[in-house]
Amino acid sequence: MTRTIRLNRIDGVLSELEYPVEPSTVATECDDVTVRLADGEVNLGATVSSSTAVEFASVEELTEELMSLLPRRAVGEPFQSDGDA
């Protein structure tokens, strides 16, 4: 069954994994997860499989790597912030 989640809900999915975890394990365990971005969608497993990391020690570490692998427009327009006046 395919799951679709918003990017801001990614920690819930990643917290289901047992750490430390290798990118290949994340790719296999999360191949059914589609992440909705501000501009499109990505498959979580496929995205993490492109990582060059050896393993992830925590949800935070995996989340940080995932954010670096996402397209530039994943969270919205570049250089835009809700806090800007």
N, C-alpha and C. Protein backbone atom coordinates (compact mmCIF):
# COMPACT_ATOMS: atom_id res chain seq x y z
N MET A 1 0.84 -1.18 0.00
CA MET A 1 0.00 0.00 0.00
C MET A 1 0.89 1.25 0.00
N THR A 2 0.63 2.15 -0.90
CA THR A 2 1.41 3.37 -1.00
C THR A 2 0.90 4.41 -0.01
N ARG A 3 1.85 5.08 0.65
CA ARG A 3 1.51 6.15 1.58
C ARG A 3 1.97 7.47 0.99
N THR A 4 1.16 8.49 1.11
CA THR A 4 1.54 9.83 0.68
C THR A 4 1.49 10.73 1.90
N ILE A 5 2.59 11.43 2.15
CA ILE A 5 2.69 12.32 3.30
C ILE A 5 3.24 13.67 2.88
N ARG A 6 2.99 14.67 3.69
CA ARG A 6 3.58 15.98 3.47
C ARG A 6 4.99 15.98 4.03
N LEU A 7 5.83 16.82 3.47
CA LEU A 7 7.22 16.90 3.91
C LEU A 7 7.32 17.22 5.40
N ASN A 8 6.45 18.06 5.90
CA ASN A 8 6.53 18.43 7.32
C ASN A 8 6.10 17.30 8.26
N ARG A 9 5.67 16.18 7.72
CA ARG A 9 5.28 15.00 8.52
C ARG A 9 6.30 13.86 8.38
N ILE A 10 7.43 14.13 7.78
CA ILE A 10 8.41 13.08 7.46
C ILE A 10 8.99 12.41 8.70
N ASP A 11 9.12 13.15 9.80
CA ASP A 11 9.70 12.57 11.01
C ASP A 11 8.89 11.38 11.53
N GLY A 12 7.59 11.41 11.33
CA GLY A 12 6.75 10.29 11.77
C GLY A 12 7.11 9.00 11.05
N VAL A 13 7.36 9.08 9.77
CA VAL A 13 7.75 7.90 8.98
C VAL A 13 9.16 7.46 9.35
N LEU A 14 10.07 8.42 9.44
CA LEU A 14 11.46 8.08 9.73
C LEU A 14 11.65 7.54 11.14
N SER A 15 10.79 7.93 12.06
CA SER A 15 10.92 7.43 13.43
C SER A 15 10.50 5.97 13.56
N GLU A 16 9.86 5.42 12.54
CA GLU A 16 9.47 4.01 12.54
C GLU A 16 10.66 3.08 12.26
N LEU A 17 11.74 3.65 11.76
CA LEU A 17 12.93 2.85 11.44
C LEU A 17 13.77 2.58 12.68
N GLU A 18 14.55 1.52 12.64
CA GLU A 18 15.46 1.18 13.73
C GLU A 18 16.84 1.74 13.41
N TYR A 19 17.38 2.54 14.32
CA TYR A 19 18.68 3.20 14.10
C TYR A 19 19.78 2.54 14.90
N PRO A 20 21.03 2.56 14.38
CA PRO A 20 21.45 3.12 13.10
C PRO A 20 20.89 2.33 11.93
N VAL A 21 20.76 3.03 10.79
CA VAL A 21 20.17 2.42 9.60
C VAL A 21 20.96 2.86 8.36
N GLU A 22 21.11 1.94 7.43
CA GLU A 22 21.83 2.21 6.19
C GLU A 22 20.86 2.78 5.15
N PRO A 23 21.37 3.59 4.22
CA PRO A 23 20.50 4.13 3.17
C PRO A 23 19.74 3.06 2.39
N SER A 24 20.39 1.92 2.13
CA SER A 24 19.72 0.86 1.37
C SER A 24 18.51 0.30 2.13
N THR A 25 18.62 0.24 3.46
CA THR A 25 17.49 -0.22 4.27
C THR A 25 16.36 0.79 4.23
N VAL A 26 16.70 2.06 4.34
CA VAL A 26 15.68 3.12 4.26
C VAL A 26 14.99 3.05 2.90
N ALA A 27 15.78 2.87 1.84
CA ALA A 27 15.22 2.79 0.49
C ALA A 27 14.21 1.65 0.37
N THR A 28 14.55 0.52 0.95
CA THR A 28 13.65 -0.65 0.90
C THR A 28 12.41 -0.44 1.75
N GLU A 29 12.62 0.02 2.99
CA GLU A 29 11.51 0.20 3.93
C GLU A 29 10.56 1.33 3.53
N CYS A 30 11.07 2.30 2.79
CA CYS A 30 10.27 3.48 2.45
C CYS A 30 9.97 3.60 0.96
N ASP A 31 10.08 2.49 0.23
CA ASP A 31 9.81 2.55 -1.20
C ASP A 31 8.35 2.77 -1.53
N ASP A 32 7.47 2.65 -0.54
CA ASP A 32 6.04 2.88 -0.74
C ASP A 32 5.59 4.25 -0.25
N VAL A 33 6.54 5.13 0.09
CA VAL A 33 6.19 6.45 0.64
C VAL A 33 6.46 7.53 -0.40
N THR A 34 5.41 8.27 -0.72
CA THR A 34 5.51 9.43 -1.60
C THR A 34 5.45 10.66 -0.72
N VAL A 35 6.40 11.57 -0.91
CA VAL A 35 6.45 12.80 -0.12
C VAL A 35 5.97 13.95 -1.00
N ARG A 36 4.92 14.64 -0.52
CA ARG A 36 4.42 15.81 -1.25
C ARG A 36 5.26 17.02 -0.86
N LEU A 37 5.78 17.67 -1.87
CA LEU A 37 6.61 18.85 -1.68
C LEU A 37 5.82 20.09 -2.09
N ALA A 38 6.38 21.26 -1.86
CA ALA A 38 5.74 22.50 -2.30
C ALA A 38 5.58 22.52 -3.81
N ASP A 39 6.50 21.87 -4.51
CA ASP A 39 6.49 21.86 -5.96
C ASP A 39 6.70 20.43 -6.47
N GLY A 40 5.70 19.57 -6.32
CA GLY A 40 5.79 18.21 -6.83
C GLY A 40 5.84 17.15 -5.75
N GLU A 41 6.33 15.98 -6.12
CA GLU A 41 6.41 14.83 -5.24
C GLU A 41 7.71 14.08 -5.51
N VAL A 42 8.16 13.34 -4.49
CA VAL A 42 9.30 12.43 -4.66
C VAL A 42 9.01 11.14 -3.92
N ASN A 43 9.64 10.07 -4.36
CA ASN A 43 9.57 8.81 -3.64
C ASN A 43 10.65 8.84 -2.57
N LEU A 44 10.27 8.61 -1.32
CA LEU A 44 11.22 8.69 -0.21
C LEU A 44 12.34 7.68 -0.35
N GLY A 45 12.02 6.44 -0.66
CA GLY A 45 13.03 5.40 -0.80
C GLY A 45 14.03 5.71 -1.90
N ALA A 46 13.53 6.14 -3.06
CA ALA A 46 14.41 6.46 -4.18
C ALA A 46 15.30 7.65 -3.86
N THR A 47 14.75 8.63 -3.16
CA THR A 47 15.53 9.81 -2.82
C THR A 47 16.66 9.46 -1.87
N VAL A 48 16.37 8.70 -0.83
CA VAL A 48 17.41 8.32 0.14
C VAL A 48 18.43 7.38 -0.48
N SER A 49 18.02 6.58 -1.46
CA SER A 49 18.97 5.65 -2.08
C SER A 49 20.09 6.38 -2.82
N SER A 50 19.90 7.64 -3.13
CA SER A 50 20.96 8.40 -3.81
C SER A 50 21.97 9.01 -2.83
N SER A 51 21.78 8.78 -1.55
CA SER A 51 22.69 9.28 -0.54
C SER A 51 24.03 8.54 -0.59
N THR A 52 25.09 9.26 -0.28
CA THR A 52 26.41 8.65 -0.22
C THR A 52 26.81 8.31 1.22
N ALA A 53 25.90 8.53 2.17
CA ALA A 53 26.17 8.22 3.58
C ALA A 53 26.30 6.72 3.76
N VAL A 54 27.07 6.32 4.75
CA VAL A 54 27.24 4.91 5.10
C VAL A 54 26.08 4.44 5.95
N GLU A 55 25.70 5.25 6.93
CA GLU A 55 24.54 4.96 7.78
C GLU A 55 24.08 6.23 8.44
N PHE A 56 22.87 6.17 9.01
CA PHE A 56 22.28 7.29 9.74
C PHE A 56 22.10 6.85 11.18
N ALA A 57 22.59 7.66 12.11
CA ALA A 57 22.54 7.31 13.52
C ALA A 57 21.22 7.69 14.18
N SER A 58 20.47 8.61 13.56
CA SER A 58 19.23 9.11 14.20
C SER A 58 18.27 9.65 13.15
N VAL A 59 17.04 9.88 13.59
CA VAL A 59 16.04 10.51 12.73
C VAL A 59 16.54 11.86 12.25
N GLU A 60 17.14 12.61 13.16
CA GLU A 60 17.62 13.96 12.83
C GLU A 60 18.68 13.91 11.73
N GLU A 61 19.59 12.96 11.84
CA GLU A 61 20.66 12.82 10.85
C GLU A 61 20.08 12.44 9.49
N LEU A 62 19.13 11.53 9.48
CA LEU A 62 18.50 11.12 8.23
C LEU A 62 17.68 12.26 7.64
N THR A 63 16.97 13.00 8.47
CA THR A 63 16.18 14.14 7.99
C THR A 63 17.08 15.19 7.36
N GLU A 64 18.20 15.47 7.99
CA GLU A 64 19.14 16.45 7.46
C GLU A 64 19.65 16.02 6.08
N GLU A 65 20.00 14.76 5.96
CA GLU A 65 20.48 14.24 4.67
C GLU A 65 19.37 14.30 3.63
N LEU A 66 18.17 13.92 4.01
CA LEU A 66 17.04 13.95 3.08
C LEU A 66 16.81 15.37 2.56
N MET A 67 16.83 16.34 3.44
CA MET A 67 16.62 17.73 3.02
C MET A 67 17.67 18.18 2.02
N SER A 68 18.90 17.68 2.17
CA SER A 68 19.96 18.05 1.24
C SER A 68 19.79 17.37 -0.12
N LEU A 69 19.04 16.28 -0.17
CA LEU A 69 18.83 15.53 -1.41
C LEU A 69 17.61 16.00 -2.20
N LEU A 70 16.74 16.77 -1.56
CA LEU A 70 15.52 17.22 -2.22
C LEU A 70 15.81 18.35 -3.20
N PRO A 71 14.93 18.50 -4.19
CA PRO A 71 15.09 19.61 -5.13
C PRO A 71 15.01 20.96 -4.41
N ARG A 72 15.61 21.97 -4.99
CA ARG A 72 15.69 23.29 -4.37
C ARG A 72 14.32 23.86 -4.02
N ARG A 73 13.33 23.62 -4.84
CA ARG A 73 12.00 24.18 -4.62
C ARG A 73 11.11 23.27 -3.74
N ALA A 74 11.68 22.32 -3.07
CA ALA A 74 10.91 21.35 -2.29
C ALA A 74 10.05 22.00 -1.21
N VAL A 75 10.57 23.04 -0.59
CA VAL A 75 9.83 23.66 0.52
C VAL A 75 9.23 25.00 0.14
N GLY A 76 9.28 25.38 -1.12
CA GLY A 76 8.68 26.63 -1.58
C GLY A 76 9.66 27.44 -2.40
N GLU A 77 9.29 28.68 -2.64
CA GLU A 77 10.13 29.57 -3.42
C GLU A 77 11.44 29.84 -2.71
N PRO A 78 12.56 29.80 -3.43
CA PRO A 78 13.85 30.11 -2.81
C PRO A 78 13.85 31.54 -2.27
N PHE A 79 14.48 31.71 -1.14
CA PHE A 79 14.66 33.00 -0.48
C PHE A 79 13.36 33.59 0.06
N GLN A 80 12.31 32.81 0.15
CA GLN A 80 11.05 33.28 0.71
C GLN A 80 10.91 32.77 2.12
N SER A 81 10.32 33.56 2.98
CA SER A 81 10.11 33.16 4.36
C SER A 81 8.80 33.74 4.86
N ASP A 82 8.07 32.97 5.65
CA ASP A 82 6.83 33.49 6.24
C ASP A 82 7.12 34.62 7.20
N GLY A 83 8.33 34.71 7.71
CA GLY A 83 8.67 35.74 8.67
C GLY A 83 9.10 37.05 8.05
N ASP A 84 9.30 37.07 6.73
CA ASP A 84 9.72 38.30 6.07
C ASP A 84 8.54 39.24 5.92
N ALA A 85 8.81 40.54 6.10
CA ALA A 85 7.74 41.53 5.95
C ALA A 85 7.70 42.07 4.55
